[in-house]
Amino acid sequence: GVTLDERFMNEQMSLPPKLCLKSGALIRYFNDSMEGTQLLYKNNQDFLSLSANNRSVLLNNTIKYITDLSTNFICHLIVL
């Protein structure tokens, strides 16, 4: 998570302004980020011990808040 974000921002800040944050780089960043998030849930035994319905309810009811909180935390850490 944070290491990926720091690496991405360092790469982007080393580029000339016209080349920073181009759509291709952002798409790769979000794909890498989503893959990492997916692994987190695939390897979490507490999450996997829930029934499929309970996992769905948990994700549907909390994902917005988790995403907002995570985004703010990461932006703070990488000084964005």
N, C-alpha and C. Protein backbone atom coordinates (compact mmCIF):
# COMPACT_ATOMS: atom_id res chain seq x y z
N GLY A 1 0.80 -1.19 0.00
CA GLY A 1 0.00 0.00 0.00
C GLY A 1 0.84 1.26 0.00
N VAL A 2 1.41 1.59 1.14
CA VAL A 2 2.13 2.86 1.26
C VAL A 2 3.40 2.84 0.41
N THR A 3 4.11 1.72 0.37
CA THR A 3 5.33 1.63 -0.43
C THR A 3 5.01 1.83 -1.91
N LEU A 4 3.93 1.23 -2.38
CA LEU A 4 3.49 1.41 -3.76
C LEU A 4 3.19 2.87 -4.03
N ASP A 5 2.50 3.51 -3.11
CA ASP A 5 2.14 4.92 -3.27
C ASP A 5 3.37 5.82 -3.28
N GLU A 6 4.29 5.56 -2.36
CA GLU A 6 5.51 6.36 -2.31
C GLU A 6 6.33 6.20 -3.60
N ARG A 7 6.45 4.96 -4.06
CA ARG A 7 7.20 4.71 -5.29
C ARG A 7 6.55 5.43 -6.47
N PHE A 8 5.23 5.34 -6.56
CA PHE A 8 4.51 5.99 -7.66
C PHE A 8 4.73 7.50 -7.63
N MET A 9 4.58 8.11 -6.45
CA MET A 9 4.75 9.56 -6.36
C MET A 9 6.19 9.98 -6.65
N ASN A 10 7.16 9.21 -6.18
CA ASN A 10 8.57 9.52 -6.47
C ASN A 10 8.83 9.45 -7.97
N GLU A 11 8.29 8.42 -8.63
CA GLU A 11 8.46 8.31 -10.08
C GLU A 11 7.81 9.49 -10.79
N GLN A 12 6.61 9.85 -10.36
CA GLN A 12 5.89 10.94 -11.03
C GLN A 12 6.58 12.29 -10.81
N MET A 13 7.08 12.52 -9.61
CA MET A 13 7.72 13.80 -9.31
C MET A 13 9.08 13.94 -9.99
N SER A 14 9.66 12.83 -10.42
CA SER A 14 10.94 12.91 -11.12
C SER A 14 10.76 13.22 -12.61
N LEU A 15 9.52 13.19 -13.08
CA LEU A 15 9.22 13.48 -14.48
C LEU A 15 9.01 14.98 -14.70
N PRO A 16 9.20 15.44 -15.94
CA PRO A 16 8.85 16.83 -16.25
C PRO A 16 7.35 17.05 -16.03
N PRO A 17 6.94 18.26 -15.66
CA PRO A 17 5.52 18.52 -15.35
C PRO A 17 4.53 18.05 -16.41
N LYS A 18 4.88 18.18 -17.69
CA LYS A 18 3.94 17.77 -18.74
C LYS A 18 3.73 16.26 -18.80
N LEU A 19 4.65 15.51 -18.21
CA LEU A 19 4.55 14.05 -18.24
C LEU A 19 4.01 13.45 -16.95
N CYS A 20 3.85 14.27 -15.93
CA CYS A 20 3.35 13.78 -14.63
C CYS A 20 1.89 13.39 -14.72
N LEU A 21 1.57 12.32 -14.03
CA LEU A 21 0.19 11.88 -13.82
C LEU A 21 -0.60 11.70 -15.12
N LYS A 22 0.04 11.11 -16.12
CA LYS A 22 -0.64 10.78 -17.37
C LYS A 22 -1.56 9.58 -17.12
N SER A 23 -2.57 9.42 -17.94
CA SER A 23 -3.58 8.39 -17.71
C SER A 23 -3.00 6.98 -17.68
N GLY A 24 -2.03 6.67 -18.53
CA GLY A 24 -1.44 5.33 -18.53
C GLY A 24 -0.79 5.00 -17.20
N ALA A 25 -0.06 5.95 -16.65
CA ALA A 25 0.60 5.74 -15.36
C ALA A 25 -0.43 5.60 -14.24
N LEU A 26 -1.48 6.40 -14.28
CA LEU A 26 -2.52 6.31 -13.26
C LEU A 26 -3.26 4.98 -13.34
N ILE A 27 -3.54 4.51 -14.54
CA ILE A 27 -4.23 3.23 -14.70
C ILE A 27 -3.37 2.10 -14.14
N ARG A 28 -2.07 2.10 -14.45
CA ARG A 28 -1.17 1.08 -13.91
C ARG A 28 -1.13 1.15 -12.38
N TYR A 29 -1.08 2.36 -11.84
CA TYR A 29 -1.05 2.54 -10.39
C TYR A 29 -2.31 1.96 -9.74
N PHE A 30 -3.47 2.30 -10.28
CA PHE A 30 -4.71 1.80 -9.69
C PHE A 30 -4.84 0.29 -9.85
N ASN A 31 -4.40 -0.26 -10.97
CA ASN A 31 -4.42 -1.72 -11.14
C ASN A 31 -3.53 -2.40 -10.10
N ASP A 32 -2.33 -1.88 -9.91
CA ASP A 32 -1.42 -2.44 -8.91
C ASP A 32 -2.01 -2.32 -7.51
N SER A 33 -2.63 -1.20 -7.23
CA SER A 33 -3.24 -0.96 -5.93
C SER A 33 -4.39 -1.94 -5.68
N MET A 34 -5.22 -2.15 -6.68
CA MET A 34 -6.35 -3.07 -6.54
C MET A 34 -5.88 -4.51 -6.35
N GLU A 35 -4.81 -4.90 -7.04
CA GLU A 35 -4.27 -6.24 -6.87
C GLU A 35 -3.80 -6.45 -5.43
N GLY A 36 -3.16 -5.45 -4.86
CA GLY A 36 -2.70 -5.54 -3.48
C GLY A 36 -3.86 -5.64 -2.51
N THR A 37 -4.92 -4.90 -2.76
CA THR A 37 -6.10 -4.95 -1.91
C THR A 37 -6.76 -6.31 -1.99
N GLN A 38 -6.83 -6.86 -3.19
CA GLN A 38 -7.44 -8.17 -3.38
C GLN A 38 -6.68 -9.23 -2.59
N LEU A 39 -5.35 -9.17 -2.61
CA LEU A 39 -4.55 -10.12 -1.85
C LEU A 39 -4.81 -10.02 -0.35
N LEU A 40 -5.03 -8.80 0.12
CA LEU A 40 -5.31 -8.60 1.53
C LEU A 40 -6.53 -9.41 1.96
N TYR A 41 -7.57 -9.38 1.16
CA TYR A 41 -8.78 -10.12 1.51
C TYR A 41 -8.63 -11.62 1.26
N LYS A 42 -7.89 -12.01 0.25
CA LYS A 42 -7.70 -13.43 -0.04
C LYS A 42 -6.89 -14.13 1.04
N ASN A 43 -6.02 -13.40 1.72
CA ASN A 43 -5.14 -13.99 2.72
C ASN A 43 -5.58 -13.75 4.16
N ASN A 44 -6.68 -13.06 4.38
CA ASN A 44 -7.15 -12.73 5.72
C ASN A 44 -8.07 -13.83 6.23
N GLN A 45 -7.58 -14.63 7.17
CA GLN A 45 -8.35 -15.77 7.68
C GLN A 45 -9.62 -15.34 8.42
N ASP A 46 -9.58 -14.22 9.11
CA ASP A 46 -10.79 -13.74 9.79
C ASP A 46 -11.87 -13.41 8.77
N PHE A 47 -11.49 -12.76 7.70
CA PHE A 47 -12.44 -12.41 6.65
C PHE A 47 -12.96 -13.67 5.96
N LEU A 48 -12.06 -14.61 5.68
CA LEU A 48 -12.45 -15.84 5.00
C LEU A 48 -13.32 -16.74 5.86
N SER A 49 -13.25 -16.60 7.17
CA SER A 49 -14.07 -17.43 8.05
C SER A 49 -15.53 -17.00 8.06
N LEU A 50 -15.82 -15.82 7.54
CA LEU A 50 -17.21 -15.36 7.44
C LEU A 50 -17.91 -16.06 6.28
N SER A 51 -19.22 -16.18 6.38
CA SER A 51 -19.99 -16.73 5.26
C SER A 51 -19.91 -15.76 4.08
N ALA A 52 -20.20 -16.25 2.90
CA ALA A 52 -20.16 -15.40 1.70
C ALA A 52 -21.11 -14.22 1.86
N ASN A 53 -22.28 -14.46 2.43
CA ASN A 53 -23.25 -13.38 2.62
C ASN A 53 -22.71 -12.34 3.61
N ASN A 54 -22.13 -12.79 4.70
CA ASN A 54 -21.59 -11.85 5.69
C ASN A 54 -20.41 -11.05 5.13
N ARG A 55 -19.57 -11.68 4.30
CA ARG A 55 -18.48 -10.95 3.66
C ARG A 55 -19.02 -9.87 2.75
N SER A 56 -20.05 -10.22 2.00
CA SER A 56 -20.67 -9.25 1.09
C SER A 56 -21.25 -8.08 1.85
N VAL A 57 -21.98 -8.36 2.92
CA VAL A 57 -22.58 -7.30 3.73
C VAL A 57 -21.48 -6.42 4.33
N LEU A 58 -20.45 -7.03 4.87
CA LEU A 58 -19.35 -6.27 5.47
C LEU A 58 -18.70 -5.34 4.45
N LEU A 59 -18.38 -5.86 3.28
CA LEU A 59 -17.75 -5.03 2.25
C LEU A 59 -18.68 -3.93 1.76
N ASN A 60 -19.93 -4.27 1.51
CA ASN A 60 -20.87 -3.27 1.00
C ASN A 60 -21.13 -2.15 1.99
N ASN A 61 -21.10 -2.46 3.28
CA ASN A 61 -21.40 -1.45 4.29
C ASN A 61 -20.19 -0.64 4.74
N THR A 62 -18.99 -1.11 4.43
CA THR A 62 -17.81 -0.41 4.94
C THR A 62 -16.85 0.11 3.88
N ILE A 63 -16.97 -0.33 2.65
CA ILE A 63 -15.96 -0.01 1.65
C ILE A 63 -15.80 1.49 1.42
N LYS A 64 -16.90 2.23 1.42
CA LYS A 64 -16.81 3.68 1.21
C LYS A 64 -15.96 4.34 2.29
N TYR A 65 -16.20 3.96 3.52
CA TYR A 65 -15.48 4.58 4.64
C TYR A 65 -14.02 4.14 4.66
N ILE A 66 -13.77 2.88 4.38
CA ILE A 66 -12.41 2.37 4.36
C ILE A 66 -11.61 3.05 3.25
N THR A 67 -12.24 3.20 2.08
CA THR A 67 -11.56 3.83 0.95
C THR A 67 -11.22 5.28 1.27
N ASP A 68 -12.17 6.02 1.82
CA ASP A 68 -11.92 7.42 2.17
C ASP A 68 -10.80 7.55 3.20
N LEU A 69 -10.88 6.74 4.24
CA LEU A 69 -9.88 6.79 5.30
C LEU A 69 -8.50 6.40 4.77
N SER A 70 -8.44 5.34 3.99
CA SER A 70 -7.16 4.88 3.43
C SER A 70 -6.56 5.93 2.50
N THR A 71 -7.39 6.53 1.67
CA THR A 71 -6.91 7.54 0.74
C THR A 71 -6.33 8.74 1.49
N ASN A 72 -7.04 9.20 2.51
CA ASN A 72 -6.54 10.33 3.30
C ASN A 72 -5.23 9.99 4.00
N PHE A 73 -5.15 8.80 4.55
CA PHE A 73 -3.94 8.37 5.25
C PHE A 73 -2.75 8.31 4.29
N ILE A 74 -2.95 7.71 3.13
CA ILE A 74 -1.87 7.58 2.15
C ILE A 74 -1.45 8.95 1.63
N CYS A 75 -2.41 9.80 1.32
CA CYS A 75 -2.07 11.15 0.84
C CYS A 75 -1.26 11.92 1.88
N HIS A 76 -1.61 11.75 3.14
CA HIS A 76 -0.86 12.40 4.22
C HIS A 76 0.57 11.86 4.28
N LEU A 77 0.72 10.54 4.17
CA LEU A 77 2.05 9.94 4.27
C LEU A 77 2.96 10.33 3.11
N ILE A 78 2.40 10.47 1.93
CA ILE A 78 3.24 10.81 0.78
C ILE A 78 3.24 12.30 0.49
N VAL A 79 2.64 13.07 1.40
CA VAL A 79 2.61 14.53 1.33
C VAL A 79 2.08 14.99 -0.03
N LEU A 80 0.88 14.54 -0.33
CA LEU A 80 0.23 14.92 -1.58
C LEU A 80 -0.71 16.07 -1.34
